[in-house]
Amino acid sequence: MSTSNGDNNSDSDSDMEELEEMAHHMLICMNIYEYWQSYVDRTPCHNSVLSGHEYVQELLNGNPDRIYDSFRMDKHVFLRLCQTLETLDLLHHDRHVGIQEAVGIFLFIVSHSIRMRVAAERFQRSKDTIHRQFKRVLTALCGLSPRIIRPSSRGETPPEILNSPKYYPYFEKCIGAIDGTHVAAWAPAQKQTSYRGRKVLITQNVMCACSFDMMFTFVYTGWEGTANDSRVFTDAVLRPENEFPFPEEGYYYVVDAGYTNMPGFLAPYR
């Protein structure tokens, strides 16, 4: 009998503890609800009559200057870019955001260098959605870049040289030019010294190869702003994983003097 009474008392104590815990949780929930009712603004944040999709469609169907001013891209180029990303399976329609709106969000941000909260207001999306769509399009464009930034020919005289008495026959075997530029960059505080160039700005030293029809054939990024041009050039052409587009035998690039310390030096070398 004593054992039975002990078990009953134990069960009763356990039930009381559970009831007290439930009451405590209910009290917390009531306090949270009361705070929300009193202090949280329940006015909808994105209540514009023009959604992000409708805004992009308005630009596509409106004056051509509007879409160029907003995205810095002509209508036919914008549509071709969206179609290419979809055809190559690099970008898909999201559950709530289509390809055209996602690309529009990306171009709106990079073409005007604006904050994501401004894009969130313009496209009537949450900042999380804007951030996610920006990363999706950026990843897709990185996948597209190797298909675009490549030489059309590595052993043929460009028509821009062949048909110009100013350059032919002096640059008969030249297929492009190599030079560098400094692009603004973000770097952690402990690394900013190496990225701070001679003009004080935080930059990265970017080396580019360009054909004579003004198309990029190779882009090498990531080097600190203080890095010497010749060091960037040597690293770009000697690392096999960079896949530098070496020309065929007898052809060459014109290289800026800063990369070789030899004015008028013609490249490349293997």
C-alpha atoms as a PDB file:
ATOM      1  CA  MET A   1       0.000   0.000   0.000  1.00  0.00           C
ATOM      2  CA  SER A   2       2.785   2.390   0.846  1.00  0.00           C
ATOM      3  CA  THR A   3       4.403   1.798  -2.532  1.00  0.00           C
ATOM      4  CA  SER A   4       1.146   2.523  -4.344  1.00  0.00           C
ATOM      5  CA  ASN A   5       0.641   5.777  -2.440  1.00  0.00           C
ATOM      6  CA  GLY A   6       4.209   6.859  -3.275  1.00  0.00           C
ATOM      7  CA  ASP A   7       3.631   6.290  -6.991  1.00  0.00           C
ATOM      8  CA  ASN A   8       0.411   8.299  -6.891  1.00  0.00           C
ATOM      9  CA  ASN A   9       2.102  11.185  -5.113  1.00  0.00           C
ATOM     10  CA  SER A  10       4.946  11.131  -7.684  1.00  0.00           C
ATOM     11  CA  ASP A  11       2.498  11.230 -10.601  1.00  0.00           C
ATOM     12  CA  SER A  12       0.573  14.053  -8.961  1.00  0.00           C
ATOM     13  CA  ASP A  13       3.754  16.116  -8.479  1.00  0.00           C
ATOM     14  CA  SER A  14       4.744  15.517 -12.100  1.00  0.00           C
ATOM     15  CA  ASP A  15       1.325  16.685 -13.336  1.00  0.00           C
ATOM     16  CA  MET A  16       1.553  19.808 -11.215  1.00  0.00           C
ATOM     17  CA  GLU A  17       4.985  20.630 -12.653  1.00  0.00           C
ATOM     18  CA  GLU A  18       3.683  20.234 -16.209  1.00  0.00           C
ATOM     19  CA  LEU A  19       0.695  22.497 -15.449  1.00  0.00           C
ATOM     20  CA  GLU A  20       2.979  25.129 -13.939  1.00  0.00           C
ATOM     21  CA  GLU A  21       5.291  24.963 -16.967  1.00  0.00           C
ATOM     22  CA  MET A  22       2.346  25.324 -19.357  1.00  0.00           C
ATOM     23  CA  ALA A  23       1.039  28.283 -17.385  1.00  0.00           C
ATOM     24  CA  HIS A  24       4.486  29.876 -17.498  1.00  0.00           C
ATOM     25  CA  HIS A  25       4.673  29.461 -21.275  1.00  0.00           C
ATOM     26  CA  MET A  26       1.174  30.854 -21.706  1.00  0.00           C
ATOM     27  CA  LEU A  27       2.124  33.889 -19.632  1.00  0.00           C
ATOM     28  CA  ILE A  28       5.184  34.492 -21.832  1.00  0.00           C
ATOM     29  CA  CYS A  29       3.079  34.213 -24.981  1.00  0.00           C
ATOM     30  CA  MET A  30       0.517  36.656 -23.578  1.00  0.00           C
ATOM     31  CA  ASN A  31       3.283  39.160 -22.792  1.00  0.00           C
ATOM     32  CA  ILE A  32       4.752  38.841 -26.278  1.00  0.00           C
ATOM     33  CA  TYR A  33       1.325  39.312 -27.872  1.00  0.00           C
ATOM     34  CA  GLU A  34       0.617  42.346 -25.700  1.00  0.00           C
ATOM     35  CA  TYR A  35       3.989  43.870 -26.684  1.00  0.00           C
ATOM     36  CA  TRP A  36       3.325  43.173 -30.355  1.00  0.00           C
ATOM     37  CA  GLN A  37      -0.117  44.764 -30.148  1.00  0.00           C
ATOM     38  CA  SER A  38       1.258  47.859 -28.408  1.00  0.00           C
ATOM     39  CA  TYR A  39       4.595  48.569 -30.079  1.00  0.00           C
ATOM     40  CA  VAL A  40       4.916  46.696 -33.410  1.00  0.00           C
ATOM     41  CA  ASP A  41       3.699  48.639 -36.434  1.00  0.00           C
ATOM     42  CA  ARG A  42       1.322  46.365 -38.336  1.00  0.00           C
ATOM     43  CA  THR A  43       1.121  48.603 -41.414  1.00  0.00           C
ATOM     44  CA  PRO A  44       2.132  46.531 -44.491  1.00  0.00           C
ATOM     45  CA  CYS A  45       5.635  47.460 -45.663  1.00  0.00           C
ATOM     46  CA  HIS A  46       5.273  46.610 -49.348  1.00  0.00           C
ATOM     47  CA  ASN A  47       1.845  47.881 -50.367  1.00  0.00           C
ATOM     48  CA  SER A  48       2.623  49.593 -53.666  1.00  0.00           C
ATOM     49  CA  VAL A  49       0.145  48.946 -56.486  1.00  0.00           C
ATOM     50  CA  LEU A  50       3.120  48.178 -58.771  1.00  0.00           C
ATOM     51  CA  SER A  51       4.864  44.901 -57.928  1.00  0.00           C
ATOM     52  CA  GLY A  52       8.408  44.072 -59.013  1.00  0.00           C
ATOM     53  CA  HIS A  53       7.193  41.937 -61.932  1.00  0.00           C
ATOM     54  CA  GLU A  54       4.784  44.661 -63.050  1.00  0.00           C
ATOM     55  CA  TYR A  55       7.548  47.262 -62.804  1.00  0.00           C
ATOM     56  CA  VAL A  56       9.820  45.232 -65.114  1.00  0.00           C
ATOM     57  CA  GLN A  57       6.952  44.685 -67.579  1.00  0.00           C
ATOM     58  CA  GLU A  58       6.212  48.412 -67.548  1.00  0.00           C
ATOM     59  CA  LEU A  59       9.836  49.118 -68.462  1.00  0.00           C
ATOM     60  CA  LEU A  60       9.800  46.507 -71.235  1.00  0.00           C
ATOM     61  CA  ASN A  61       6.592  47.892 -72.745  1.00  0.00           C
ATOM     62  CA  GLY A  62       7.407  51.568 -72.241  1.00  0.00           C
ATOM     63  CA  ASN A  63       9.815  54.050 -73.751  1.00  0.00           C
ATOM     64  CA  PRO A  64      13.202  52.397 -74.557  1.00  0.00           C
ATOM     65  CA  ASP A  65      15.023  55.118 -72.619  1.00  0.00           C
ATOM     66  CA  ARG A  66      13.365  54.026 -69.363  1.00  0.00           C
ATOM     67  CA  ILE A  67      14.767  50.504 -69.324  1.00  0.00           C
ATOM     68  CA  TYR A  68      18.195  51.784 -70.360  1.00  0.00           C
ATOM     69  CA  ASP A  69      18.162  54.394 -67.589  1.00  0.00           C
ATOM     70  CA  SER A  70      17.047  51.801 -64.995  1.00  0.00           C
ATOM     71  CA  PHE A  71      19.148  48.791 -66.014  1.00  0.00           C
ATOM     72  CA  ARG A  72      21.825  50.454 -68.219  1.00  0.00           C
ATOM     73  CA  MET A  73      20.899  47.947 -70.894  1.00  0.00           C
ATOM     74  CA  ASP A  74      18.781  48.154 -74.045  1.00  0.00           C
ATOM     75  CA  LYS A  75      15.567  46.158 -74.196  1.00  0.00           C
ATOM     76  CA  HIS A  76      16.755  43.619 -76.768  1.00  0.00           C
ATOM     77  CA  VAL A  77      19.996  43.036 -74.847  1.00  0.00           C
ATOM     78  CA  PHE A  78      18.084  42.531 -71.598  1.00  0.00           C
ATOM     79  CA  LEU A  79      15.717  40.014 -73.193  1.00  0.00           C
ATOM     80  CA  ARG A  80      18.597  38.206 -74.891  1.00  0.00           C
ATOM     81  CA  LEU A  81      20.480  37.948 -71.590  1.00  0.00           C
ATOM     82  CA  CYS A  82      17.444  36.491 -69.798  1.00  0.00           C
ATOM     83  CA  GLN A  83      16.834  34.028 -72.640  1.00  0.00           C
ATOM     84  CA  THR A  84      20.494  32.958 -72.725  1.00  0.00           C
ATOM     85  CA  LEU A  85      20.636  32.317 -68.976  1.00  0.00           C
ATOM     86  CA  GLU A  86      17.483  30.223 -69.198  1.00  0.00           C
ATOM     87  CA  THR A  87      18.521  28.324 -72.327  1.00  0.00           C
ATOM     88  CA  LEU A  88      21.919  27.399 -70.879  1.00  0.00           C
ATOM     89  CA  ASP A  89      20.184  26.184 -67.700  1.00  0.00           C
ATOM     90  CA  LEU A  90      22.049  28.731 -65.592  1.00  0.00           C
ATOM     91  CA  LEU A  91      18.996  30.488 -64.136  1.00  0.00           C
ATOM     92  CA  HIS A  92      15.475  29.278 -63.438  1.00  0.00           C
ATOM     93  CA  HIS A  93      12.193  30.803 -62.374  1.00  0.00           C
ATOM     94  CA  ASP A  94      12.018  30.985 -58.602  1.00  0.00           C
ATOM     95  CA  ARG A  95       8.834  30.158 -56.721  1.00  0.00           C
ATOM     96  CA  HIS A  96       7.848  33.807 -56.493  1.00  0.00           C
ATOM     97  CA  VAL A  97      10.377  35.649 -58.691  1.00  0.00           C
ATOM     98  CA  GLY A  98      10.745  35.140 -62.435  1.00  0.00           C
ATOM     99  CA  ILE A  99      13.960  35.321 -64.440  1.00  0.00           C
ATOM    100  CA  GLN A 100      13.279  38.780 -65.874  1.00  0.00           C
ATOM    101  CA  GLU A 101      12.543  40.274 -62.462  1.00  0.00           C
ATOM    102  CA  ALA A 102      15.608  38.584 -60.902  1.00  0.00           C
ATOM    103  CA  VAL A 103      17.901  39.922 -63.643  1.00  0.00           C
ATOM    104  CA  GLY A 104      16.239  43.329 -63.319  1.00  0.00           C
ATOM    105  CA  ILE A 105      16.953  43.374 -59.573  1.00  0.00           C
ATOM    106  CA  PHE A 106      20.610  42.522 -60.193  1.00  0.00           C
ATOM    107  CA  LEU A 107      21.090  45.148 -62.915  1.00  0.00           C
ATOM    108  CA  PHE A 108      19.236  47.791 -60.901  1.00  0.00           C
ATOM    109  CA  ILE A 109      21.673  47.318 -58.011  1.00  0.00           C
ATOM    110  CA  VAL A 110      24.978  47.074 -59.907  1.00  0.00           C
ATOM    111  CA  SER A 111      24.219  49.749 -62.509  1.00  0.00           C
ATOM    112  CA  HIS A 112      23.444  52.408 -59.899  1.00  0.00           C
ATOM    113  CA  SER A 113      25.537  51.097 -56.991  1.00  0.00           C
ATOM    114  CA  ILE A 114      22.582  51.265 -54.622  1.00  0.00           C
ATOM    115  CA  ARG A 115      21.748  49.516 -51.356  1.00  0.00           C
ATOM    116  CA  MET A 116      19.614  46.388 -51.334  1.00  0.00           C
ATOM    117  CA  ARG A 117      17.028  48.096 -49.137  1.00  0.00           C
ATOM    118  CA  VAL A 118      16.458  50.617 -51.963  1.00  0.00           C
ATOM    119  CA  ALA A 119      15.978  47.757 -54.430  1.00  0.00           C
ATOM    120  CA  ALA A 120      13.600  46.101 -51.940  1.00  0.00           C
ATOM    121  CA  GLU A 121      11.430  49.216 -51.960  1.00  0.00           C
ATOM    122  CA  ARG A 122      11.556  49.576 -55.742  1.00  0.00           C
ATOM    123  CA  PHE A 123      10.656  45.913 -56.433  1.00  0.00           C
ATOM    124  CA  GLN A 124       8.368  45.530 -53.398  1.00  0.00           C
ATOM    125  CA  ARG A 125      10.294  42.560 -52.046  1.00  0.00           C
ATOM    126  CA  SER A 126      11.851  41.776 -48.688  1.00  0.00           C
ATOM    127  CA  LYS A 127      15.563  42.463 -48.248  1.00  0.00           C
ATOM    128  CA  ASP A 128      16.126  38.716 -47.856  1.00  0.00           C
ATOM    129  CA  THR A 129      14.488  38.066 -51.236  1.00  0.00           C
ATOM    130  CA  ILE A 130      16.538  40.805 -52.903  1.00  0.00           C
ATOM    131  CA  HIS A 131      19.759  39.376 -51.429  1.00  0.00           C
ATOM    132  CA  ARG A 132      18.878  35.848 -52.542  1.00  0.00           C
ATOM    133  CA  GLN A 133      17.970  36.885 -56.105  1.00  0.00           C
ATOM    134  CA  PHE A 134      21.125  38.987 -56.410  1.00  0.00           C
ATOM    135  CA  LYS A 135      23.273  35.969 -55.499  1.00  0.00           C
ATOM    136  CA  ARG A 136      21.349  33.717 -57.893  1.00  0.00           C
ATOM    137  CA  VAL A 137      21.916  36.004 -60.867  1.00  0.00           C
ATOM    138  CA  LEU A 138      25.550  36.659 -59.900  1.00  0.00           C
ATOM    139  CA  THR A 139      26.232  32.904 -59.818  1.00  0.00           C
ATOM    140  CA  ALA A 140      24.525  32.485 -63.192  1.00  0.00           C
ATOM    141  CA  LEU A 141      26.581  35.259 -64.789  1.00  0.00           C
ATOM    142  CA  CYS A 142      29.799  33.744 -63.416  1.00  0.00           C
ATOM    143  CA  GLY A 143      28.792  30.506 -65.125  1.00  0.00           C
ATOM    144  CA  LEU A 144      28.126  32.392 -68.349  1.00  0.00           C
ATOM    145  CA  SER A 145      31.433  34.293 -68.387  1.00  0.00           C
ATOM    146  CA  PRO A 146      33.662  31.449 -69.753  1.00  0.00           C
ATOM    147  CA  ARG A 147      31.349  31.196 -72.768  1.00  0.00           C
ATOM    148  CA  ILE A 148      31.756  34.909 -73.557  1.00  0.00           C
ATOM    149  CA  ILE A 149      35.231  35.921 -72.369  1.00  0.00           C
ATOM    150  CA  ARG A 150      37.282  33.818 -74.764  1.00  0.00           C
ATOM    151  CA  PRO A 151      39.263  34.463 -77.961  1.00  0.00           C
ATOM    152  CA  SER A 152      37.469  33.876 -81.244  1.00  0.00           C
ATOM    153  CA  SER A 153      40.763  32.947 -82.882  1.00  0.00           C
ATOM    154  CA  ARG A 154      44.311  32.354 -81.621  1.00  0.00           C
ATOM    155  CA  GLY A 155      46.053  32.117 -84.959  1.00  0.00           C
ATOM    156  CA  GLU A 156      44.458  34.475 -87.435  1.00  0.00           C
ATOM    157  CA  THR A 157      45.028  38.142 -88.226  1.00  0.00           C
ATOM    158  CA  PRO A 158      41.997  40.142 -87.027  1.00  0.00           C
ATOM    159  CA  PRO A 159      40.109  42.003 -89.777  1.00  0.00           C
ATOM    160  CA  GLU A 160      40.509  45.215 -87.755  1.00  0.00           C
ATOM    161  CA  ILE A 161      44.264  44.898 -88.398  1.00  0.00           C
ATOM    162  CA  LEU A 162      44.120  43.326 -91.845  1.00  0.00           C
ATOM    163  CA  ASN A 163      41.875  46.033 -93.292  1.00  0.00           C
ATOM    164  CA  SER A 164      43.629  49.005 -91.724  1.00  0.00           C
ATOM    165  CA  PRO A 165      46.647  50.544 -93.493  1.00  0.00           C
ATOM    166  CA  LYS A 166      47.449  52.276 -90.233  1.00  0.00           C
ATOM    167  CA  TYR A 167      48.152  48.957 -88.452  1.00  0.00           C
ATOM    168  CA  TYR A 168      48.928  46.535 -91.298  1.00  0.00           C
ATOM    169  CA  PRO A 169      51.507  45.123 -91.836  1.00  0.00           C
ATOM    170  CA  TYR A 170      53.082  46.473 -88.615  1.00  0.00           C
ATOM    171  CA  PHE A 171      50.762  44.422 -86.372  1.00  0.00           C
ATOM    172  CA  GLU A 172      50.073  41.646 -88.846  1.00  0.00           C
ATOM    173  CA  LYS A 173      50.453  38.837 -86.269  1.00  0.00           C
ATOM    174  CA  CYS A 174      48.913  40.667 -83.317  1.00  0.00           C
ATOM    175  CA  ILE A 175      45.618  39.227 -82.053  1.00  0.00           C
ATOM    176  CA  GLY A 176      44.982  41.496 -79.055  1.00  0.00           C
ATOM    177  CA  ALA A 177      46.282  43.740 -76.307  1.00  0.00           C
ATOM    178  CA  ILE A 178      46.907  43.240 -72.587  1.00  0.00           C
ATOM    179  CA  ASP A 179      46.616  45.952 -69.967  1.00  0.00           C
ATOM    180  CA  GLY A 180      45.403  46.386 -66.424  1.00  0.00           C
ATOM    181  CA  THR A 181      43.090  48.541 -64.404  1.00  0.00           C
ATOM    182  CA  HIS A 182      42.225  49.080 -60.767  1.00  0.00           C
ATOM    183  CA  VAL A 183      38.671  48.207 -59.733  1.00  0.00           C
ATOM    184  CA  ALA A 184      37.165  49.309 -56.422  1.00  0.00           C
ATOM    185  CA  ALA A 185      37.037  46.416 -53.951  1.00  0.00           C
ATOM    186  CA  TRP A 186      35.980  45.529 -50.431  1.00  0.00           C
ATOM    187  CA  ALA A 187      38.509  43.991 -48.070  1.00  0.00           C
ATOM    188  CA  PRO A 188      38.544  43.115 -44.342  1.00  0.00           C
ATOM    189  CA  ALA A 189      40.140  45.722 -42.082  1.00  0.00           C
ATOM    190  CA  GLN A 190      43.228  43.577 -41.479  1.00  0.00           C
ATOM    191  CA  LYS A 191      43.883  43.293 -45.244  1.00  0.00           C
ATOM    192  CA  GLN A 192      43.061  46.815 -46.377  1.00  0.00           C
ATOM    193  CA  THR A 193      46.683  47.956 -46.356  1.00  0.00           C
ATOM    194  CA  SER A 194      47.647  45.575 -49.166  1.00  0.00           C
ATOM    195  CA  TYR A 195      44.547  46.522 -51.163  1.00  0.00           C
ATOM    196  CA  ARG A 196      45.068  50.275 -50.781  1.00  0.00           C
ATOM    197  CA  GLY A 197      46.664  51.514 -53.997  1.00  0.00           C
ATOM    198  CA  ARG A 198      48.731  54.609 -54.717  1.00  0.00           C
ATOM    199  CA  LYS A 199      45.547  56.682 -54.990  1.00  0.00           C
ATOM    200  CA  VAL A 200      44.545  55.695 -51.436  1.00  0.00           C
ATOM    201  CA  LEU A 201      41.417  53.859 -52.636  1.00  0.00           C
ATOM    202  CA  ILE A 202      40.931  50.177 -51.812  1.00  0.00           C
ATOM    203  CA  THR A 203      41.168  48.371 -55.134  1.00  0.00           C
ATOM    204  CA  GLN A 204      42.118  45.121 -56.809  1.00  0.00           C
ATOM    205  CA  ASN A 205      44.547  44.982 -59.715  1.00  0.00           C
ATOM    206  CA  VAL A 206      42.702  43.443 -62.686  1.00  0.00           C
ATOM    207  CA  MET A 207      44.517  42.297 -65.823  1.00  0.00           C
ATOM    208  CA  CYS A 208      42.528  42.063 -69.068  1.00  0.00           C
ATOM    209  CA  ALA A 209      43.238  40.832 -72.583  1.00  0.00           C
ATOM    210  CA  CYS A 210      41.148  42.419 -75.309  1.00  0.00           C
ATOM    211  CA  SER A 211      40.757  41.745 -79.022  1.00  0.00           C
ATOM    212  CA  PHE A 212      40.696  44.545 -81.579  1.00  0.00           C
ATOM    213  CA  ASP A 213      36.911  44.365 -81.923  1.00  0.00           C
ATOM    214  CA  MET A 214      36.768  45.508 -78.272  1.00  0.00           C
ATOM    215  CA  MET A 215      35.820  42.101 -76.854  1.00  0.00           C
ATOM    216  CA  PHE A 216      37.411  40.759 -73.674  1.00  0.00           C
ATOM    217  CA  THR A 217      39.243  37.474 -74.240  1.00  0.00           C
ATOM    218  CA  PHE A 218      40.744  37.022 -70.764  1.00  0.00           C
ATOM    219  CA  VAL A 219      40.150  38.644 -67.363  1.00  0.00           C
ATOM    220  CA  TYR A 220      42.295  37.957 -64.291  1.00  0.00           C
ATOM    221  CA  THR A 221      41.028  39.353 -60.987  1.00  0.00           C
ATOM    222  CA  GLY A 222      41.780  39.114 -57.292  1.00  0.00           C
ATOM    223  CA  TRP A 223      45.236  40.662 -56.914  1.00  0.00           C
ATOM    224  CA  GLU A 224      45.663  43.395 -54.300  1.00  0.00           C
ATOM    225  CA  GLY A 225      45.824  47.014 -55.396  1.00  0.00           C
ATOM    226  CA  THR A 226      49.477  47.261 -54.315  1.00  0.00           C
ATOM    227  CA  ALA A 227      50.517  44.283 -56.485  1.00  0.00           C
ATOM    228  CA  ASN A 228      52.974  45.068 -59.272  1.00  0.00           C
ATOM    229  CA  ASP A 229      51.617  44.692 -62.825  1.00  0.00           C
ATOM    230  CA  SER A 230      54.426  42.369 -63.904  1.00  0.00           C
ATOM    231  CA  ARG A 231      53.714  40.065 -60.964  1.00  0.00           C
ATOM    232  CA  VAL A 232      50.043  39.851 -61.934  1.00  0.00           C
ATOM    233  CA  PHE A 233      50.964  39.137 -65.552  1.00  0.00           C
ATOM    234  CA  THR A 234      53.478  36.421 -64.662  1.00  0.00           C
ATOM    235  CA  ASP A 235      51.040  34.714 -62.320  1.00  0.00           C
ATOM    236  CA  ALA A 236      48.264  34.823 -64.939  1.00  0.00           C
ATOM    237  CA  VAL A 237      50.264  33.220 -67.753  1.00  0.00           C
ATOM    238  CA  LEU A 238      52.245  30.660 -65.752  1.00  0.00           C
ATOM    239  CA  ARG A 239      49.460  29.060 -63.742  1.00  0.00           C
ATOM    240  CA  PRO A 240      47.878  26.255 -65.822  1.00  0.00           C
ATOM    241  CA  GLU A 241      44.559  26.499 -63.945  1.00  0.00           C
ATOM    242  CA  ASN A 242      44.093  30.056 -65.265  1.00  0.00           C
ATOM    243  CA  GLU A 243      43.854  28.700 -68.825  1.00  0.00           C
ATOM    244  CA  PHE A 244      45.468  31.766 -70.352  1.00  0.00           C
ATOM    245  CA  PRO A 245      44.560  31.891 -74.091  1.00  0.00           C
ATOM    246  CA  PHE A 246      48.037  31.580 -75.612  1.00  0.00           C
ATOM    247  CA  PRO A 247      48.067  32.393 -79.354  1.00  0.00           C
ATOM    248  CA  GLU A 248      49.346  30.058 -82.011  1.00  0.00           C
ATOM    249  CA  GLU A 249      53.027  30.049 -82.991  1.00  0.00           C
ATOM    250  CA  GLY A 250      54.084  33.369 -84.524  1.00  0.00           C
ATOM    251  CA  TYR A 251      51.170  35.387 -83.184  1.00  0.00           C
ATOM    252  CA  TYR A 252      51.292  37.628 -80.124  1.00  0.00           C
ATOM    253  CA  TYR A 253      49.613  40.169 -77.839  1.00  0.00           C
ATOM    254  CA  VAL A 254      50.686  43.756 -77.353  1.00  0.00           C
ATOM    255  CA  VAL A 255      51.461  44.137 -73.652  1.00  0.00           C
ATOM    256  CA  ASP A 256      51.539  47.357 -71.667  1.00  0.00           C
ATOM    257  CA  ALA A 257      55.079  48.340 -70.668  1.00  0.00           C
ATOM    258  CA  GLY A 258      54.206  48.157 -66.983  1.00  0.00           C
ATOM    259  CA  TYR A 259      53.836  44.392 -67.211  1.00  0.00           C
ATOM    260  CA  THR A 260      57.291  43.693 -68.567  1.00  0.00           C
ATOM    261  CA  ASN A 261      59.392  46.779 -67.839  1.00  0.00           C
ATOM    262  CA  MET A 262      60.274  46.717 -71.547  1.00  0.00           C
ATOM    263  CA  PRO A 263      58.456  49.380 -73.630  1.00  0.00           C
ATOM    264  CA  GLY A 264      57.020  47.927 -76.815  1.00  0.00           C
ATOM    265  CA  PHE A 265      57.492  44.345 -75.641  1.00  0.00           C
ATOM    266  CA  LEU A 266      55.292  41.867 -77.480  1.00  0.00           C
ATOM    267  CA  ALA A 267      53.910  38.744 -75.827  1.00  0.00           C
ATOM    268  CA  PRO A 268      53.142  36.083 -74.837  1.00  0.00           C
ATOM    269  CA  TYR A 269      55.809  33.638 -73.803  1.00  0.00           C
ATOM    270  CA  ARG A 270      55.419  30.043 -72.667  1.00  0.00           C
END
